[in-house]
Amino acid sequence: MPSLLDEILQQPAALSMVRKYYTSVGAIPLGKLKSLASRKPAAVIMTGMGSSLNAAYPAQAFLTALGLRAILWETGELLHHHLKILRSDTVLVVVSQSGETAEVVHLINRVPKSVPLVAVSNVERSTLARRAHLLLPMMAGGQATISTKTYTNAVAVLMYLAFALARKNHAPLTQGIIRAAEAQEELIEARETLLPPTVEFFDQPPYVVLMARGADLASAHQGALTLKEVARLAAEPMSAGQFRHGPIEIIHPDHRYILFARRGATGSRSGSRTADLMLRLGEDIRTHGGRVLLIADRAVETAPNLRWIQTQPLPLGLGTLVDSVLIQLLAHALALRAGIEPGRFWIAEPVMRRE
């Protein structure tokens, strides 16, 4: 059975495979998609559990930037508390690696057949895949441990779907994914020199908070999940803005703060503003004694309590395709340092079949 490290290292190849598939003619049948989605659907609702939900942040950010209503909803909450929001003029996008997750199966059994259902799954004969009006495969191959390939591939598939829903040419997205796969490879090649000082800086903190804004919230949420599953750390994702409203009071030298500060490949005004806000927050945490791991696509000055890792700028909110790999490698190294078998579930199961 492949180890967690094996599957981390397979991600550039898996991402390249999904890119090749979705740039082929008919991979997303536009005629069928148009029949499911009116020209201006009331809403695109994307749902999943865990990493499947986290993967949807960039697609949501892309669609809302164009003025289209796109909503993320945890499947358990949508199933039990918000089901009536689903109507024939909404497009329901259900993301599930296995297609057999308990909440997902219960949801699709209760959704009226008149609601357009698009499935993003890695298992093409799953319950979800059979029920969907349109199946978009993740093309990630086998996933034996935690979500690695299935997460990054789901991000890419959802972005291709978002471009199709918005009636946009996918060429800029394809170029961005090519650059992301290359950046993944560069990061993997540099891991032996990059990780040891990062692990030493990080150590085994009692509490970790990961923060970002916009599409980069995907990295915060997925990174926190990875640190919990692999290194057994108490890791919490949070929007950077929310941190200032109370949580900032618990800054402590024993804690670690991971900040994702990306401008993006175009250096847009909104991207630069977001990065500036993240850097300002990092400085405030650092000066109050907190130790900050800053993941940024621009240079910053060295300072006490700061470990900076520079990443490649990527467009369209695709930074999570690289940042998530970095956190996976860090979590793997931290687990080994703590004597934990990386990627082995102690309590949960790879596919949760009960709520």
Foldseek 3Di string as FASTA:
>chain_A
DDALVRLLVCQLVQLVVLLVQLVDPPLPPLVLVCVQAPLQFPEEEEEEDALQLLLCQLLCLVLVVVVHHYYYDYLVCCLPPPVVVFDLSYEYEYEDAQLQFASNLSNLVPHDLSGQYEYEYQDCPHPNNVSHSHYNYLSQPDDDFADRNSNLSSSLSSNSVSCSSNVHDCVQVSVLSNVLSVLSVVCVVCCVVPQPVVCVLLPQFQEEEEEADGLCLSLRRNLQVQLCQFLVHHYYYDYLVVCVVPVLVPQDLRYEYEYEQELAPVNDPVSVVRNVSRVVSVVVSVVVNYQYEYEYQDDDDDDPSYHYDHGHGGHSSSPSSRSSSVSNSNSNVSCVVVVHRGRDGDPADNHHNHD
